[in-house]
PDB file of N, CA and C in Angstrom:
ATOM      1  N   MET A   1     117.025  25.857 -89.010  1.00  0.00           N
ATOM      2  CA  MET A   1     116.414  27.134 -88.740  1.00  0.00           C
ATOM      3  C   MET A   1     115.937  27.751 -90.054  1.00  0.00           C
ATOM      4  N   ALA A   2     114.839  28.462 -89.969  1.00  0.00           N
ATOM      5  CA  ALA A   2     114.264  29.082 -91.158  1.00  0.00           C
ATOM      6  C   ALA A   2     114.514  30.580 -91.151  1.00  0.00           C
ATOM      7  N   ASP A   3     114.479  31.148 -92.338  1.00  0.00           N
ATOM      8  CA  ASP A   3     114.522  32.605 -92.439  1.00  0.00           C
ATOM      9  C   ASP A   3     113.197  33.160 -91.953  1.00  0.00           C
ATOM     10  N   ALA A   4     113.233  34.389 -91.491  1.00  0.00           N
ATOM     11  CA  ALA A   4     112.009  35.102 -91.133  1.00  0.00           C
ATOM     12  C   ALA A   4     112.011  36.408 -91.915  1.00  0.00           C
ATOM     13  N   THR A   5     110.933  36.654 -92.653  1.00  0.00           N
ATOM     14  CA  THR A   5     110.821  37.859 -93.462  1.00  0.00           C
ATOM     15  C   THR A   5     109.672  38.704 -92.939  1.00  0.00           C
ATOM     16  N   VAL A   6     109.960  39.987 -92.738  1.00  0.00           N
ATOM     17  CA  VAL A   6     108.961  40.932 -92.238  1.00  0.00           C
ATOM     18  C   VAL A   6     108.937  42.131 -93.182  1.00  0.00           C
ATOM     19  N   THR A   7     107.749  42.515 -93.624  1.00  0.00           N
ATOM     20  CA  THR A   7     107.573  43.705 -94.449  1.00  0.00           C
ATOM     21  C   THR A   7     107.058  44.826 -93.560  1.00  0.00           C
ATOM     22  N   VAL A   8     107.686  45.998 -93.684  1.00  0.00           N
ATOM     23  CA  VAL A   8     107.342  47.132 -92.820  1.00  0.00           C
ATOM     24  C   VAL A   8     106.868  48.302 -93.669  1.00  0.00           C
ATOM     25  N   ASP A   9     105.685  48.802 -93.359  1.00  0.00           N
ATOM     26  CA  ASP A   9     105.180  50.054 -93.901  1.00  0.00           C
ATOM     27  C   ASP A   9     105.287  51.040 -92.748  1.00  0.00           C
ATOM     28  N   ALA A  10     106.262  51.923 -92.817  1.00  0.00           N
ATOM     29  CA  ALA A  10     106.579  52.782 -91.674  1.00  0.00           C
ATOM     30  C   ALA A  10     105.584  53.910 -91.431  1.00  0.00           C
ATOM     31  N   GLY A  11     104.626  54.089 -92.311  1.00  0.00           N
ATOM     32  CA  GLY A  11     103.600  55.100 -92.056  1.00  0.00           C
ATOM     33  C   GLY A  11     103.779  56.344 -92.881  1.00  0.00           C
ATOM     34  N   VAL A  12     103.709  57.479 -92.216  1.00  0.00           N
ATOM     35  CA  VAL A  12     103.643  58.760 -92.905  1.00  0.00           C
ATOM     36  C   VAL A  12     104.901  59.055 -93.731  1.00  0.00           C
ATOM     37  N   CYS A  13     106.042  58.496 -93.376  1.00  0.00           N
ATOM     38  CA  CYS A  13     107.250  58.723 -94.176  1.00  0.00           C
ATOM     39  C   CYS A  13     107.173  58.000 -95.518  1.00  0.00           C
ATOM     40  N   ARG A  14     106.299  57.012 -95.599  1.00  0.00           N
ATOM     41  CA  ARG A  14     106.039  56.232 -96.811  1.00  0.00           C
ATOM     42  C   ARG A  14     107.186  55.313 -97.229  1.00  0.00           C
ATOM     43  N   PHE A  15     108.198  55.173 -96.384  1.00  0.00           N
ATOM     44  CA  PHE A  15     109.304  54.276 -96.715  1.00  0.00           C
ATOM     45  C   PHE A  15     108.915  52.844 -96.389  1.00  0.00           C
ATOM     46  N   LYS A  16     109.123  51.982 -97.356  1.00  0.00           N
ATOM     47  CA  LYS A  16     108.860  50.557 -97.167  1.00  0.00           C
ATOM     48  C   LYS A  16     110.191  49.859 -96.902  1.00  0.00           C
ATOM     49  N   SER A  17     110.156  48.831 -96.074  1.00  0.00           N
ATOM     50  CA  SER A  17     111.349  48.033 -95.790  1.00  0.00           C
ATOM     51  C   SER A  17     110.966  46.567 -95.738  1.00  0.00           C
ATOM     52  N   VAL A  18     111.893  45.719 -96.133  1.00  0.00           N
ATOM     53  CA  VAL A  18     111.741  44.278 -95.990  1.00  0.00           C
ATOM     54  C   VAL A  18     112.946  43.790 -95.204  1.00  0.00           C
ATOM     55  N   VAL A  19     112.684  43.111 -94.101  1.00  0.00           N
ATOM     56  CA  VAL A  19     113.718  42.589 -93.216  1.00  0.00           C
ATOM     57  C   VAL A  19     113.723  41.073 -93.339  1.00  0.00           C
ATOM     58  N   ILE A  20     114.895  40.509 -93.603  1.00  0.00           N
ATOM     59  CA  ILE A  20     115.057  39.056 -93.618  1.00  0.00           C
ATOM     60  C   ILE A  20     116.101  38.717 -92.568  1.00  0.00           C
ATOM     61  N   ALA A  21     115.702  37.927 -91.585  1.00  0.00           N
ATOM     62  CA  ALA A  21     116.624  37.485 -90.532  1.00  0.00           C
ATOM     63  C   ALA A  21     116.896  35.998 -90.724  1.00  0.00           C
ATOM     64  N   THR A  22     118.156  35.633 -90.620  1.00  0.00           N
ATOM     65  CA  THR A  22     118.565  34.239 -90.772  1.00  0.00           C
ATOM     66  C   THR A  22     119.489  33.875 -89.623  1.00  0.00           C
ATOM     67  N   MET A  23     119.253  32.715 -89.014  1.00  0.00           N
ATOM     68  CA  MET A  23     120.159  32.246 -87.969  1.00  0.00           C
ATOM     69  C   MET A  23     120.998  31.106 -88.527  1.00  0.00           C
ATOM     70  N   ASP A  24     122.317  31.183 -88.279  1.00  0.00           N
ATOM     71  CA  ASP A  24     123.208  30.135 -88.769  1.00  0.00           C
ATOM     72  C   ASP A  24     123.433  29.071 -87.692  1.00  0.00           C
ATOM     73  N   ASP A  25     124.279  28.112 -87.979  1.00  0.00           N
ATOM     74  CA  ASP A  25     124.544  27.010 -87.049  1.00  0.00           C
ATOM     75  C   ASP A  25     125.231  27.448 -85.762  1.00  0.00           C
ATOM     76  N   ASN A  26     125.850  28.638 -85.767  1.00  0.00           N
ATOM     77  CA  ASN A  26     126.492  29.178 -84.564  1.00  0.00           C
ATOM     78  C   ASN A  26     125.536  30.011 -83.726  1.00  0.00           C
ATOM     79  N   MET A  27     124.262  30.027 -84.117  1.00  0.00           N
ATOM     80  CA  MET A  27     123.221  30.814 -83.452  1.00  0.00           C
ATOM     81  C   MET A  27     123.451  32.317 -83.583  1.00  0.00           C
ATOM     82  N   ASP A  28     124.052  32.712 -84.710  1.00  0.00           N
ATOM     83  CA  ASP A  28     124.217  34.122 -85.040  1.00  0.00           C
ATOM     84  C   ASP A  28     123.132  34.519 -86.032  1.00  0.00           C
ATOM     85  N   ILE A  29     122.587  35.701 -85.849  1.00  0.00           N
ATOM     86  CA  ILE A  29     121.561  36.243 -86.734  1.00  0.00           C
ATOM     87  C   ILE A  29     122.215  37.185 -87.740  1.00  0.00           C
ATOM     88  N   THR A  30     121.862  37.005 -88.993  1.00  0.00           N
ATOM     89  CA  THR A  30     122.271  37.918 -90.055  1.00  0.00           C
ATOM     90  C   THR A  30     121.009  38.577 -90.597  1.00  0.00           C
ATOM     91  N   PHE A  31     121.078  39.886 -90.757  1.00  0.00           N
ATOM     92  CA  PHE A  31     119.951  40.638 -91.309  1.00  0.00           C
ATOM     93  C   PHE A  31     120.265  41.065 -92.731  1.00  0.00           C
ATOM     94  N   LYS A  32     119.302  40.882 -93.616  1.00  0.00           N
ATOM     95  CA  LYS A  32     119.335  41.470 -94.944  1.00  0.00           C
ATOM     96  C   LYS A  32     118.135  42.408 -94.970  1.00  0.00           C
ATOM     97  N   VAL A  33     118.393  43.671 -95.222  1.00  0.00           N
ATOM     98  CA  VAL A  33     117.315  44.655 -95.190  1.00  0.00           C
ATOM     99  C   VAL A  33     117.309  45.434 -96.498  1.00  0.00           C
ATOM    100  N   LYS A  34     116.169  45.432 -97.146  1.00  0.00           N
ATOM    101  CA  LYS A  34     115.953  46.256 -98.330  1.00  0.00           C
ATOM    102  C   LYS A  34     115.010  47.369 -97.895  1.00  0.00           C
ATOM    103  N   SER A  35     115.453  48.602 -98.082  1.00  0.00           N
ATOM    104  CA  SER A  35     114.635  49.717 -97.609  1.00  0.00           C
ATOM    105  C   SER A  35     114.757  50.918 -98.525  1.00  0.00           C
ATOM    106  N   GLU A  36     113.661  51.657 -98.615  1.00  0.00           N
ATOM    107  CA  GLU A  36     113.663  52.926 -99.324  1.00  0.00           C
ATOM    108  C   GLU A  36     114.266  54.031 -98.457  1.00  0.00           C
ATOM    109  N   CYS A  37     114.421  53.778 -97.170  1.00  0.00           N
ATOM    110  CA  CYS A  37     114.913  54.793 -96.229  1.00  0.00           C
ATOM    111  C   CYS A  37     116.445  54.783 -96.167  1.00  0.00           C
ATOM    112  N   PRO A  38     117.083  55.921 -96.423  1.00  0.00           N
ATOM    113  CA  PRO A  38     118.540  55.957 -96.373  1.00  0.00           C
ATOM    114  C   PRO A  38     119.104  55.706 -94.974  1.00  0.00           C
ATOM    115  N   MET A  39     118.395  56.129 -93.932  1.00  0.00           N
ATOM    116  CA  MET A  39     118.879  55.892 -92.570  1.00  0.00           C
ATOM    117  C   MET A  39     118.836  54.404 -92.228  1.00  0.00           C
ATOM    118  N   VAL A  40     117.787  53.729 -92.642  1.00  0.00           N
ATOM    119  CA  VAL A  40     117.685  52.289 -92.398  1.00  0.00           C
ATOM    120  C   VAL A  40     118.781  51.563 -93.148  1.00  0.00           C
ATOM    121  N   ARG A  41     118.979  51.910 -94.401  1.00  0.00           N
ATOM    122  CA  ARG A  41     120.031  51.244 -95.189  1.00  0.00           C
ATOM    123  C   ARG A  41     121.401  51.434 -94.550  1.00  0.00           C
ATOM    124  N   ALA A  42     121.711  52.648 -94.115  1.00  0.00           N
ATOM    125  CA  ALA A  42     123.017  52.924 -93.506  1.00  0.00           C
ATOM    126  C   ALA A  42     123.199  52.158 -92.197  1.00  0.00           C
ATOM    127  N   ALA A  43     122.180  52.142 -91.362  1.00  0.00           N
ATOM    128  CA  ALA A  43     122.285  51.444 -90.073  1.00  0.00           C
ATOM    129  C   ALA A  43     122.456  49.949 -90.267  1.00  0.00           C
ATOM    130  N   CYS A  44     121.762  49.398 -91.226  1.00  0.00           N
ATOM    131  CA  CYS A  44     121.805  47.948 -91.430  1.00  0.00           C
ATOM    132  C   CYS A  44     123.124  47.486 -92.008  1.00  0.00           C
ATOM    133  N   LYS A  45     123.845  48.368 -92.682  1.00  0.00           N
ATOM    134  CA  LYS A  45     125.185  48.029 -93.151  1.00  0.00           C
ATOM    135  C   LYS A  45     126.135  47.825 -91.973  1.00  0.00           C
ATOM    136  N   GLU A  46     125.831  48.470 -90.846  1.00  0.00           N
ATOM    137  CA  GLU A  46     126.684  48.407 -89.664  1.00  0.00           C
ATOM    138  C   GLU A  46     126.437  47.164 -88.820  1.00  0.00           C
ATOM    139  N   ILE A  47     125.338  46.479 -89.054  1.00  0.00           N
ATOM    140  CA  ILE A  47     124.988  45.326 -88.229  1.00  0.00           C
ATOM    141  C   ILE A  47     125.493  44.055 -88.905  1.00  0.00           C
ATOM    142  N   GLY A  48     126.523  43.470 -88.330  1.00  0.00           N
ATOM    143  CA  GLY A  48     127.030  42.201 -88.840  1.00  0.00           C
ATOM    144  C   GLY A  48     126.290  41.067 -88.168  1.00  0.00           C
ATOM    145  N   PRO A  49     126.727  39.846 -88.384  1.00  0.00           N
ATOM    146  CA  PRO A  49     126.107  38.727 -87.661  1.00  0.00           C
ATOM    147  C   PRO A  49     126.241  38.947 -86.154  1.00  0.00           C
ATOM    148  N   ILE A  50     125.133  38.778 -85.444  1.00  0.00           N
ATOM    149  CA  ILE A  50     125.165  38.934 -83.983  1.00  0.00           C
ATOM    150  C   ILE A  50     124.503  37.721 -83.336  1.00  0.00           C
ATOM    151  N   PRO A  51     124.990  37.320 -82.174  1.00  0.00           N
ATOM    152  CA  PRO A  51     124.356  36.200 -81.478  1.00  0.00           C
ATOM    153  C   PRO A  51     122.875  36.481 -81.248  1.00  0.00           C
ATOM    154  N   VAL A  52     122.057  35.457 -81.436  1.00  0.00           N
ATOM    155  CA  VAL A  52     120.609  35.632 -81.354  1.00  0.00           C
ATOM    156  C   VAL A  52     120.189  36.263 -80.026  1.00  0.00           C
ATOM    157  N   PHE A  53     120.835  35.893 -78.935  1.00  0.00           N
ATOM    158  CA  PHE A  53     120.410  36.437 -77.643  1.00  0.00           C
ATOM    159  C   PHE A  53     120.822  37.898 -77.467  1.00  0.00           C
ATOM    160  N   GLU A  54     121.803  38.372 -78.248  1.00  0.00           N
ATOM    161  CA  GLU A  54     122.114  39.803 -78.253  1.00  0.00           C
ATOM    162  C   GLU A  54     121.105  40.561 -79.111  1.00  0.00           C
ATOM    163  N   ALA A  55     120.596  39.905 -80.135  1.00  0.00           N
ATOM    164  CA  ALA A  55     119.603  40.551 -81.002  1.00  0.00           C
ATOM    165  C   ALA A  55     118.286  40.776 -80.280  1.00  0.00           C
ATOM    166  N   VAL A  56     117.991  39.950 -79.297  1.00  0.00           N
ATOM    167  CA  VAL A  56     116.725  40.077 -78.573  1.00  0.00           C
ATOM    168  C   VAL A  56     116.945  40.528 -77.123  1.00  0.00           C
ATOM    169  N   ALA A  57     118.150  40.982 -76.818  1.00  0.00           N
ATOM    170  CA  ALA A  57     118.522  41.322 -75.437  1.00  0.00           C
ATOM    171  C   ALA A  57     117.815  42.565 -74.917  1.00  0.00           C
ATOM    172  N   MET A  58     117.633  42.564 -73.637  1.00  0.00           N
ATOM    173  CA  MET A  58     117.140  43.724 -72.912  1.00  0.00           C
ATOM    174  C   MET A  58     118.271  44.221 -72.025  1.00  0.00           C
ATOM    175  N   PRO A  59     118.311  45.434 -71.591  1.00  0.00           N
ATOM    176  CA  PRO A  59     117.349  46.501 -71.868  1.00  0.00           C
ATOM    177  C   PRO A  59     117.540  47.090 -73.273  1.00  0.00           C
ATOM    178  N   PHE A  60     116.579  47.871 -73.699  1.00  0.00           N
ATOM    179  CA  PHE A  60     116.628  48.489 -75.024  1.00  0.00           C
ATOM    180  C   PHE A  60     117.945  49.215 -75.245  1.00  0.00           C
ATOM    181  N   THR A  61     118.444  49.897 -74.221  1.00  0.00           N
ATOM    182  CA  THR A  61     119.645  50.716 -74.365  1.00  0.00           C
ATOM    183  C   THR A  61     120.896  49.895 -74.621  1.00  0.00           C
ATOM    184  N   GLU A  62     120.835  48.595 -74.398  1.00  0.00           N
ATOM    185  CA  GLU A  62     121.989  47.734 -74.624  1.00  0.00           C
ATOM    186  C   GLU A  62     121.759  46.756 -75.771  1.00  0.00           C
ATOM    187  N   ASN A  63     120.629  46.853 -76.440  1.00  0.00           N
ATOM    188  CA  ASN A  63     120.300  45.949 -77.532  1.00  0.00           C
ATOM    189  C   ASN A  63     121.098  46.335 -78.778  1.00  0.00           C
ATOM    190  N   ALA A  64     121.741  45.355 -79.422  1.00  0.00           N
ATOM    191  CA  ALA A  64     122.599  45.615 -80.579  1.00  0.00           C
ATOM    192  C   ALA A  64     121.841  46.248 -81.744  1.00  0.00           C
ATOM    193  N   VAL A  65     120.609  45.832 -81.968  1.00  0.00           N
ATOM    194  CA  VAL A  65     119.816  46.384 -83.073  1.00  0.00           C
ATOM    195  C   VAL A  65     119.448  47.834 -82.782  1.00  0.00           C
ATOM    196  N   TYR A  66     118.920  48.094 -81.592  1.00  0.00           N
ATOM    197  CA  TYR A  66     118.547  49.470 -81.259  1.00  0.00           C
ATOM    198  C   TYR A  66     119.774  50.374 -81.210  1.00  0.00           C
ATOM    199  N   ALA A  67     120.910  49.855 -80.769  1.00  0.00           N
ATOM    200  CA  ALA A  67     122.138  50.655 -80.748  1.00  0.00           C
ATOM    201  C   ALA A  67     122.538  51.053 -82.168  1.00  0.00           C
ATOM    202  N   ALA A  68     122.452  50.117 -83.110  1.00  0.00           N
ATOM    203  CA  ALA A  68     122.808  50.412 -84.501  1.00  0.00           C
ATOM    204  C   ALA A  68     121.850  51.425 -85.121  1.00  0.00           C
ATOM    205  N   CYS A  69     120.620  51.454 -84.646  1.00  0.00           N
ATOM    206  CA  CYS A  69     119.602  52.356 -85.196  1.00  0.00           C
ATOM    207  C   CYS A  69     119.441  53.630 -84.374  1.00  0.00           C
ATOM    208  N   SER A  70     120.321  53.862 -83.427  1.00  0.00           N
ATOM    209  CA  SER A  70     120.157  54.998 -82.504  1.00  0.00           C
ATOM    210  C   SER A  70     120.297  56.357 -83.179  1.00  0.00           C
ATOM    211  N   GLY A  71     120.845  56.409 -84.378  1.00  0.00           N
ATOM    212  CA  GLY A  71     120.984  57.674 -85.079  1.00  0.00           C
ATOM    213  C   GLY A  71     119.789  58.046 -85.936  1.00  0.00           C
ATOM    214  N   PHE A  72     118.750  57.218 -85.915  1.00  0.00           N
ATOM    215  CA  PHE A  72     117.554  57.535 -86.702  1.00  0.00           C
ATOM    216  C   PHE A  72     116.981  58.877 -86.268  1.00  0.00           C
ATOM    217  N   GLU A  73     116.508  59.636 -87.227  1.00  0.00           N
ATOM    218  CA  GLU A  73     115.901  60.931 -86.929  1.00  0.00           C
ATOM    219  C   GLU A  73     114.473  60.799 -86.419  1.00  0.00           C
ATOM    220  N   HIS A  74     113.890  59.625 -86.575  1.00  0.00           N
ATOM    221  CA  HIS A  74     112.502  59.418 -86.162  1.00  0.00           C
ATOM    222  C   HIS A  74     112.475  58.294 -85.131  1.00  0.00           C
ATOM    223  N   VAL A  75     112.332  58.637 -83.876  1.00  0.00           N
ATOM    224  CA  VAL A  75     112.452  57.678 -82.788  1.00  0.00           C
ATOM    225  C   VAL A  75     111.395  56.575 -82.829  1.00  0.00           C
ATOM    226  N   SER A  76     110.269  56.830 -83.466  1.00  0.00           N
ATOM    227  CA  SER A  76     109.215  55.819 -83.497  1.00  0.00           C
ATOM    228  C   SER A  76     109.279  54.924 -84.737  1.00  0.00           C
ATOM    229  N   CYS A  77     110.382  54.938 -85.456  1.00  0.00           N
ATOM    230  CA  CYS A  77     110.533  54.075 -86.625  1.00  0.00           C
ATOM    231  C   CYS A  77     110.315  52.622 -86.216  1.00  0.00           C
ATOM    232  N   PRO A  78     109.441  51.895 -86.918  1.00  0.00           N
ATOM    233  CA  PRO A  78     109.147  50.515 -86.547  1.00  0.00           C
ATOM    234  C   PRO A  78     110.153  49.487 -87.065  1.00  0.00           C
ATOM    235  N   VAL A  79     111.121  49.897 -87.868  1.00  0.00           N
ATOM    236  CA  VAL A  79     112.054  48.932 -88.459  1.00  0.00           C
ATOM    237  C   VAL A  79     112.892  48.208 -87.406  1.00  0.00           C
ATOM    238  N   PRO A  80     113.479  48.879 -86.412  1.00  0.00           N
ATOM    239  CA  PRO A  80     114.251  48.122 -85.421  1.00  0.00           C
ATOM    240  C   PRO A  80     113.414  47.054 -84.702  1.00  0.00           C
ATOM    241  N   CYS A  81     112.191  47.374 -84.367  1.00  0.00           N
ATOM    242  CA  CYS A  81     111.308  46.408 -83.737  1.00  0.00           C
ATOM    243  C   CYS A  81     111.063  45.229 -84.677  1.00  0.00           C
ATOM    244  N   ALA A  82     110.841  45.518 -85.959  1.00  0.00           N
ATOM    245  CA  ALA A  82     110.623  44.459 -86.950  1.00  0.00           C
ATOM    246  C   ALA A  82     111.842  43.557 -87.054  1.00  0.00           C
ATOM    247  N   MET A  83     113.021  44.136 -86.960  1.00  0.00           N
ATOM    248  CA  MET A  83     114.248  43.339 -87.016  1.00  0.00           C
ATOM    249  C   MET A  83     114.334  42.389 -85.833  1.00  0.00           C
ATOM    250  N   ILE A  84     113.977  42.877 -84.668  1.00  0.00           N
ATOM    251  CA  ILE A  84     114.027  42.036 -83.468  1.00  0.00           C
ATOM    252  C   ILE A  84     112.962  40.950 -83.532  1.00  0.00           C
ATOM    253  N   LYS A  85     111.769  41.290 -83.992  1.00  0.00           N
ATOM    254  CA  LYS A  85     110.727  40.273 -84.145  1.00  0.00           C
ATOM    255  C   LYS A  85     111.170  39.195 -85.136  1.00  0.00           C
ATOM    256  N   ALA A  86     111.787  39.604 -86.235  1.00  0.00           N
ATOM    257  CA  ALA A  86     112.281  38.642 -87.225  1.00  0.00           C
ATOM    258  C   ALA A  86     113.376  37.764 -86.625  1.00  0.00           C
ATOM    259  N   ALA A  87     114.253  38.355 -85.818  1.00  0.00           N
ATOM    260  CA  ALA A  87     115.314  37.573 -85.163  1.00  0.00           C
ATOM    261  C   ALA A  87     114.728  36.535 -84.218  1.00  0.00           C
ATOM    262  N   GLU A  88     113.682  36.910 -83.491  1.00  0.00           N
ATOM    263  CA  GLU A  88     113.024  35.956 -82.587  1.00  0.00           C
ATOM    264  C   GLU A  88     112.493  34.748 -83.355  1.00  0.00           C
ATOM    265  N   VAL A  89     111.850  35.008 -84.482  1.00  0.00           N
ATOM    266  CA  VAL A  89     111.272  33.917 -85.266  1.00  0.00           C
ATOM    267  C   VAL A  89     112.378  33.077 -85.904  1.00  0.00           C
ATOM    268  N   ALA A  90     113.382  33.740 -86.485  1.00  0.00           N
ATOM    269  CA  ALA A  90     114.477  33.000 -87.112  1.00  0.00           C
ATOM    270  C   ALA A  90     115.223  32.137 -86.097  1.00  0.00           C
ATOM    271  N   GLY A  91     115.271  32.603 -84.857  1.00  0.00           N
ATOM    272  CA  GLY A  91     115.954  31.868 -83.802  1.00  0.00           C
ATOM    273  C   GLY A  91     115.072  30.889 -83.055  1.00  0.00           C
ATOM    274  N   ASP A  92     113.872  30.651 -83.550  1.00  0.00           N
ATOM    275  CA  ASP A  92     112.909  29.758 -82.899  1.00  0.00           C
ATOM    276  C   ASP A  92     112.588  30.176 -81.463  1.00  0.00           C
ATOM    277  N   LEU A  93     112.581  31.480 -81.224  1.00  0.00           N
ATOM    278  CA  LEU A  93     112.251  32.013 -79.909  1.00  0.00           C
ATOM    279  C   LEU A  93     110.837  32.581 -79.859  1.00  0.00           C
ATOM    280  N   ALA A  94     110.176  32.631 -81.013  1.00  0.00           N
ATOM    281  CA  ALA A  94     108.811  33.153 -81.082  1.00  0.00           C
ATOM    282  C   ALA A  94     108.129  32.574 -82.312  1.00  0.00           C
ATOM    283  N   LEU A  95     106.811  32.589 -82.277  1.00  0.00           N
ATOM    284  CA  LEU A  95     106.027  32.164 -83.425  1.00  0.00           C
ATOM    285  C   LEU A  95     105.755  33.356 -84.329  1.00  0.00           C
ATOM    286  N   LYS A  96     105.503  33.083 -85.605  1.00  0.00           N
ATOM    287  CA  LYS A  96     105.130  34.153 -86.527  1.00  0.00           C
ATOM    288  C   LYS A  96     103.741  34.655 -86.153  1.00  0.00           C
ATOM    289  N   LYS A  97     103.655  35.926 -85.853  1.00  0.00           N
ATOM    290  CA  LYS A  97     102.371  36.549 -85.535  1.00  0.00           C
ATOM    291  C   LYS A  97     102.485  38.018 -85.919  1.00  0.00           C
ATOM    292  N   ASP A  98     101.558  38.481 -86.740  1.00  0.00           N
ATOM    293  CA  ASP A  98     101.578  39.873 -87.179  1.00  0.00           C
ATOM    294  C   ASP A  98     101.419  40.813 -85.991  1.00  0.00           C
ATOM    295  N   VAL A  99     102.039  41.988 -86.142  1.00  0.00           N
ATOM    296  CA  VAL A  99     101.963  43.049 -85.151  1.00  0.00           C
ATOM    297  C   VAL A  99     101.392  44.267 -85.868  1.00  0.00           C
ATOM    298  N   SER A 100     100.592  45.068 -85.200  1.00  0.00           N
ATOM    299  CA  SER A 100     100.070  46.262 -85.857  1.00  0.00           C
ATOM    300  C   SER A 100      99.878  47.393 -84.863  1.00  0.00           C
ATOM    301  N   LEU A 101      99.867  48.583 -85.397  1.00  0.00           N
ATOM    302  CA  LEU A 101      99.504  49.791 -84.656  1.00  0.00           C
ATOM    303  C   LEU A 101      98.331  50.380 -85.391  1.00  0.00           C
ATOM    304  N   THR A 102      97.260  50.645 -84.702  1.00  0.00           N
ATOM    305  CA  THR A 102      96.075  51.195 -85.344  1.00  0.00           C
ATOM    306  C   THR A 102      95.611  52.421 -84.584  1.00  0.00           C
ATOM    307  N   PHE A 103      95.521  53.543 -85.283  1.00  0.00           N
ATOM    308  CA  PHE A 103      95.031  54.763 -84.650  1.00  0.00           C
ATOM    309  C   PHE A 103      93.511  54.770 -84.690  1.00  0.00           C
ATOM    310  N   GLU A 104      92.904  55.133 -83.610  1.00  0.00           N
ATOM    311  CA  GLU A 104      91.454  55.233 -83.509  1.00  0.00           C
ATOM    312  C   GLU A 104      91.029  56.637 -83.937  1.00  0.00           C
ATOM    313  N   GLU A 105      89.908  56.688 -84.598  1.00  0.00           N
ATOM    314  CA  GLU A 105      89.349  57.991 -85.059  1.00  0.00           C
ATOM    315  C   GLU A 105      88.661  58.680 -83.914  1.00  0.00           C
TER     316      GLU A 105
END
């Protein structure tokens, strides 16, 4: 299994984050997150290795990543989504494909 690295520009808050997801031989995902955002850093300290299928589990309200990030002050923060996308790729559950949000003028 390969690592998956995702760089996140969160937008108007200007905080940059880099998410690295790695899956081990037990199919557990470990996240290493470097972020300028104190909320992201604090939440990511709470996330230990989790089984890949829990990292990508539905519904959102029961997802381990979203649960760890539930205290964020900005509900539209893209970092939790980036973590899940990275977990999918690290777990060979998805192909690498960029995601974007673009506002129309």
